[in-house]
C-alpha atoms as a PDB file:
ATOM      1  CA  TYR A   1      16.906 -95.356 -72.584  1.00  0.00           C
ATOM      2  CA  ILE A   2      15.841 -98.362 -74.650  1.00  0.00           C
ATOM      3  CA  ALA A   3      12.469 -96.813 -75.539  1.00  0.00           C
ATOM      4  CA  PHE A   4      14.181 -93.541 -76.495  1.00  0.00           C
ATOM      5  CA  ARG A   5      16.653 -95.392 -78.719  1.00  0.00           C
ATOM      6  CA  ASP A   6      13.960 -97.455 -80.415  1.00  0.00           C
ATOM      7  CA  ILE A   7      11.694 -94.485 -81.134  1.00  0.00           C
ATOM      8  CA  MET A   8      14.651 -92.502 -82.483  1.00  0.00           C
ATOM      9  CA  ALA A   9      15.537 -95.415 -84.769  1.00  0.00           C
ATOM     10  CA  MET A  10      11.940 -95.459 -85.998  1.00  0.00           C
ATOM     11  CA  LEU A  11      12.069 -91.716 -86.692  1.00  0.00           C
ATOM     12  CA  LEU A  12      15.437 -91.523 -88.399  1.00  0.00           C
ATOM     13  CA  LEU A  13      15.801 -94.913 -90.041  1.00  0.00           C
ATOM     14  CA  GLY A  14      12.196 -96.027 -90.416  1.00  0.00           C
ATOM     15  CA  PHE A  15      10.602 -92.805 -91.619  1.00  0.00           C
ATOM     16  CA  GLY A  16      13.808 -91.577 -93.261  1.00  0.00           C
ATOM     17  CA  TYR A  17      14.210 -94.525 -95.581  1.00  0.00           C
ATOM     18  CA  LEU A  18      10.472 -94.952 -96.017  1.00  0.00           C
ATOM     19  CA  MET A  19      10.440 -91.546 -97.721  1.00  0.00           C
ATOM     20  CA  THR A  20      13.084 -92.549-100.280  1.00  0.00           C
ATOM     21  CA  PHE A  21      10.459 -94.064-102.563  1.00  0.00           C
ATOM     22  CA  LEU A  22      10.381 -90.913-104.715  1.00  0.00           C
ATOM     23  CA  LYS A  23      13.118 -90.931-107.331  1.00  0.00           C
ATOM     24  CA  ASN A  24      13.923 -87.217-107.132  1.00  0.00           C
ATOM     25  CA  TYR A  25      13.775 -86.923-103.335  1.00  0.00           C
ATOM     26  CA  GLY A  26      15.532 -90.104-102.183  1.00  0.00           C
ATOM     27  CA  ILE A  27      18.659 -88.767-100.479  1.00  0.00           C
ATOM     28  CA  GLY A  28      17.023 -85.448 -99.596  1.00  0.00           C
ATOM     29  CA  ALA A  29      14.248 -87.253 -97.772  1.00  0.00           C
ATOM     30  CA  VAL A  30      16.710 -88.823 -95.346  1.00  0.00           C
ATOM     31  CA  GLY A  31      18.295 -85.448 -94.586  1.00  0.00           C
ATOM     32  CA  PHE A  32      14.959 -83.664 -94.266  1.00  0.00           C
ATOM     33  CA  THR A  33      13.714 -86.383 -91.943  1.00  0.00           C
ATOM     34  CA  MET A  34      16.694 -85.889 -89.639  1.00  0.00           C
ATOM     35  CA  MET A  35      16.415 -82.098 -89.725  1.00  0.00           C
ATOM     36  CA  LEU A  36      12.660 -81.986 -89.170  1.00  0.00           C
ATOM     37  CA  SER A  37      12.643 -84.651 -86.453  1.00  0.00           C
ATOM     38  CA  ILE A  38      15.186 -82.786 -84.362  1.00  0.00           C
ATOM     39  CA  LEU A  39      13.471 -79.430 -84.968  1.00  0.00           C
ATOM     40  CA  ALA A  40      10.109 -80.859 -83.906  1.00  0.00           C
ATOM     41  CA  MET A  41      11.631 -82.402 -80.786  1.00  0.00           C
ATOM     42  CA  GLU A  42      13.332 -79.152 -79.810  1.00  0.00           C
ATOM     43  CA  ALA A  43      10.150 -77.152 -80.407  1.00  0.00           C
ATOM     44  CA  ASN A  44       7.939 -79.555 -78.476  1.00  0.00           C
ATOM     45  CA  ILE A  45       9.798 -79.351 -75.171  1.00  0.00           C
ATOM     46  CA  PRO A  46       9.043 -75.659 -74.422  1.00  0.00           C
ATOM     47  CA  MET A  47       5.607 -75.860 -76.095  1.00  0.00           C
ATOM     48  CA  GLU A  48       4.470 -78.703 -73.877  1.00  0.00           C
ATOM     49  CA  LEU A  49       5.785 -76.964 -70.767  1.00  0.00           C
ATOM     50  CA  LEU A  50       3.943 -73.808 -71.832  1.00  0.00           C
ATOM     51  CA  MET A  51       0.688 -75.737 -72.226  1.00  0.00           C
ATOM     52  CA  ARG A  52       1.125 -77.464 -68.853  1.00  0.00           C
ATOM     53  CA  THR A  53       1.815 -74.098 -67.235  1.00  0.00           C
ATOM     54  CA  LEU A  54      -1.277 -72.540 -68.844  1.00  0.00           C
ATOM     55  CA  LYS A  55      -3.434 -75.443 -67.701  1.00  0.00           C
ATOM     56  CA  GLY A  56      -1.936 -75.249 -64.237  1.00  0.00           C
ATOM     57  CA  ASP A  57      -4.440 -77.367 -62.287  1.00  0.00           C
ATOM     58  CA  ASP A  58      -2.517 -80.620 -62.037  1.00  0.00           C
ATOM     59  CA  GLY A  59       0.305 -81.487 -59.715  1.00  0.00           C
ATOM     60  CA  GLU A  60       2.963 -81.812 -62.409  1.00  0.00           C
ATOM     61  CA  ASP A  61       6.253 -79.964 -62.177  1.00  0.00           C
ATOM     62  CA  THR A  62       5.943 -76.882 -64.382  1.00  0.00           C
ATOM     63  CA  SER A  63       9.042 -75.033 -63.243  1.00  0.00           C
ATOM     64  CA  TRP A  64      11.068 -73.054 -65.748  1.00  0.00           C
ATOM     65  CA  PRO A  65      13.486 -74.120 -67.162  1.00  0.00           C
ATOM     66  CA  MET A  66      11.974 -77.506 -67.814  1.00  0.00           C
ATOM     67  CA  PRO A  67      14.100 -80.338 -66.463  1.00  0.00           C
ATOM     68  CA  LEU A  68      15.143 -82.710 -69.237  1.00  0.00           C
ATOM     69  CA  SER A  69      14.409 -86.334 -68.525  1.00  0.00           C
ATOM     70  CA  MET A  70      13.924 -89.430 -70.639  1.00  0.00           C
ATOM     71  CA  GLU A  71      10.149 -89.001 -70.342  1.00  0.00           C
ATOM     72  CA  THR A  72      10.408 -85.456 -71.719  1.00  0.00           C
ATOM     73  CA  LEU A  73      12.546 -86.606 -74.637  1.00  0.00           C
ATOM     74  CA  ILE A  74      10.234 -89.525 -75.434  1.00  0.00           C
ATOM     75  CA  ASP A  75       7.236 -87.166 -75.449  1.00  0.00           C
ATOM     76  CA  ALA A  76       9.181 -84.921 -77.836  1.00  0.00           C
ATOM     77  CA  GLU A  77       9.849 -87.924 -80.083  1.00  0.00           C
ATOM     78  CA  PHE A  78       6.120 -88.635 -80.227  1.00  0.00           C
ATOM     79  CA  SER A  79       5.608 -85.068 -81.416  1.00  0.00           C
ATOM     80  CA  ALA A  80       8.222 -85.622 -84.120  1.00  0.00           C
ATOM     81  CA  ALA A  81       6.401 -88.790 -85.196  1.00  0.00           C
ATOM     82  CA  THR A  82       3.260 -86.755 -85.914  1.00  0.00           C
ATOM     83  CA  LEU A  83       5.347 -84.481 -88.111  1.00  0.00           C
ATOM     84  CA  MET A  84       6.824 -87.437 -89.994  1.00  0.00           C
ATOM     85  CA  ILE A  85       3.314 -88.654 -90.802  1.00  0.00           C
ATOM     86  CA  SER A  86       2.534 -85.216 -92.268  1.00  0.00           C
ATOM     87  CA  PHE A  87       5.890 -85.160 -94.061  1.00  0.00           C
ATOM     88  CA  GLY A  88       4.969 -88.385 -95.837  1.00  0.00           C
ATOM     89  CA  ALA A  89       1.945 -86.648 -97.340  1.00  0.00           C
ATOM     90  CA  LEU A  90       3.807 -83.457 -98.265  1.00  0.00           C
ATOM     91  CA  ILE A  91       7.152 -84.742 -99.551  1.00  0.00           C
ATOM     92  CA  GLY A  92       7.883 -83.365-102.986  1.00  0.00           C
ATOM     93  CA  THR A  93       5.290 -80.595-102.709  1.00  0.00           C
ATOM     94  CA  ALA A  94       6.455 -78.492 -99.753  1.00  0.00           C
ATOM     95  CA  THR A  95       9.768 -76.666 -99.608  1.00  0.00           C
ATOM     96  CA  PRO A  96      12.147 -77.187 -96.663  1.00  0.00           C
ATOM     97  CA  LEU A  97      11.202 -73.764 -95.259  1.00  0.00           C
ATOM     98  CA  GLN A  98       7.510 -74.626 -95.417  1.00  0.00           C
ATOM     99  CA  MET A  99       8.172 -77.930 -93.672  1.00  0.00           C
ATOM    100  CA  MET A 100      10.102 -76.146 -90.930  1.00  0.00           C
ATOM    101  CA  LEU A 101       7.175 -73.773 -90.375  1.00  0.00           C
ATOM    102  CA  ILE A 102       4.817 -76.743 -90.328  1.00  0.00           C
ATOM    103  CA  ALA A 103       7.091 -78.429 -87.767  1.00  0.00           C
ATOM    104  CA  LEU A 104       6.916 -75.429 -85.444  1.00  0.00           C
ATOM    105  CA  SER A 105       3.162 -74.967 -85.748  1.00  0.00           C
ATOM    106  CA  GLN A 106       2.461 -78.674 -85.489  1.00  0.00           C
ATOM    107  CA  SER A 107       4.514 -78.907 -82.287  1.00  0.00           C
ATOM    108  CA  PHE A 108       2.378 -76.136 -80.798  1.00  0.00           C
ATOM    109  CA  PHE A 109      -0.931 -77.721 -81.783  1.00  0.00           C
ATOM    110  CA  TYR A 110       0.210 -81.211 -80.767  1.00  0.00           C
ATOM    111  CA  ALA A 111       1.051 -79.953 -77.272  1.00  0.00           C
ATOM    112  CA  LEU A 112      -2.252 -78.056 -77.117  1.00  0.00           C
ATOM    113  CA  ASN A 113      -4.211 -81.136 -78.178  1.00  0.00           C
ATOM    114  CA  LYS A 114      -2.347 -83.442 -75.804  1.00  0.00           C
ATOM    115  CA  VAL A 115      -2.465 -81.321 -72.650  1.00  0.00           C
ATOM    116  CA  PHE A 116      -5.884 -79.699 -72.940  1.00  0.00           C
ATOM    117  CA  PHE A 117      -8.004 -82.177 -74.875  1.00  0.00           C
ATOM    118  CA  VAL A 118      -6.664 -85.731 -74.616  1.00  0.00           C
ATOM    119  CA  PHE A 119      -5.496 -85.602 -71.003  1.00  0.00           C
ATOM    120  CA  GLY A 120      -7.591 -82.598 -69.948  1.00  0.00           C
ATOM    121  CA  MET A 121     -11.181 -82.732 -71.191  1.00  0.00           C
ATOM    122  CA  VAL A 122     -11.344 -86.362 -72.249  1.00  0.00           C
ATOM    123  CA  GLY A 123      -9.184 -87.635 -69.401  1.00  0.00           C
ATOM    124  CA  ALA A 124      -7.806 -90.480 -71.478  1.00  0.00           C
ATOM    125  CA  GLU A 125      -5.064 -92.825 -70.353  1.00  0.00           C
ATOM    126  CA  ASP A 126      -2.714 -93.199 -73.315  1.00  0.00           C
ATOM    127  CA  VAL A 127       0.170 -95.373 -72.165  1.00  0.00           C
ATOM    128  CA  GLY A 128       1.892 -95.908 -75.520  1.00  0.00           C
ATOM    129  CA  GLY A 129       1.010 -92.555 -77.063  1.00  0.00           C
ATOM    130  CA  SER A 130      -0.669 -94.045 -80.131  1.00  0.00           C
ATOM    131  CA  MET A 131      -4.047 -92.424 -79.498  1.00  0.00           C
ATOM    132  CA  THR A 132      -2.493 -88.998 -78.989  1.00  0.00           C
ATOM    133  CA  ILE A 133      -0.407 -89.300 -82.148  1.00  0.00           C
ATOM    134  CA  HIS A 134      -3.055 -90.655 -84.484  1.00  0.00           C
ATOM    135  CA  CYS A 135      -5.978 -88.589 -83.218  1.00  0.00           C
ATOM    136  CA  PHE A 136      -3.922 -85.454 -83.693  1.00  0.00           C
END
C-alpha cells in the first residue's frame, strides 16, 4: 500500500503541480493530470491482461476478469507515469480530447512494449519499472 500511495502522490501532486508552470494552463493542468492519470490507469488494466493472454506462454494468471491486486494497480500507475511524461511535452498544444485519445493508445502500446518486448524478447528484470517507463 505504501508504494501505491507514494506513486499516486507523484502522479497527482508531483506531475500535477509541475505542469502549472504555464500561466494560462496552471489550474487546468492539475485537473487534466488527475483525469488523464485515472483514465490511463483504468485503460492499462484490461490492456495488460489482453497482452498477457495473447502471449500466453508464461505461468501467470490470465483469467478474465482480471483480479485487482496492489501489484496490478502499481503497474497501472507506471503506465500513467508514461502518459504524464508525454503530457509535459504536449501541454498547451493538445486539446483534452486529444490527450484522452493519446492516453488510450499509449496504454495499449505501453502494455504491448512491456509484455512482448521488455519481458518477452529481451527478458529483462525491471524491479522498479524505470527501464520499462523510460524506454517506452
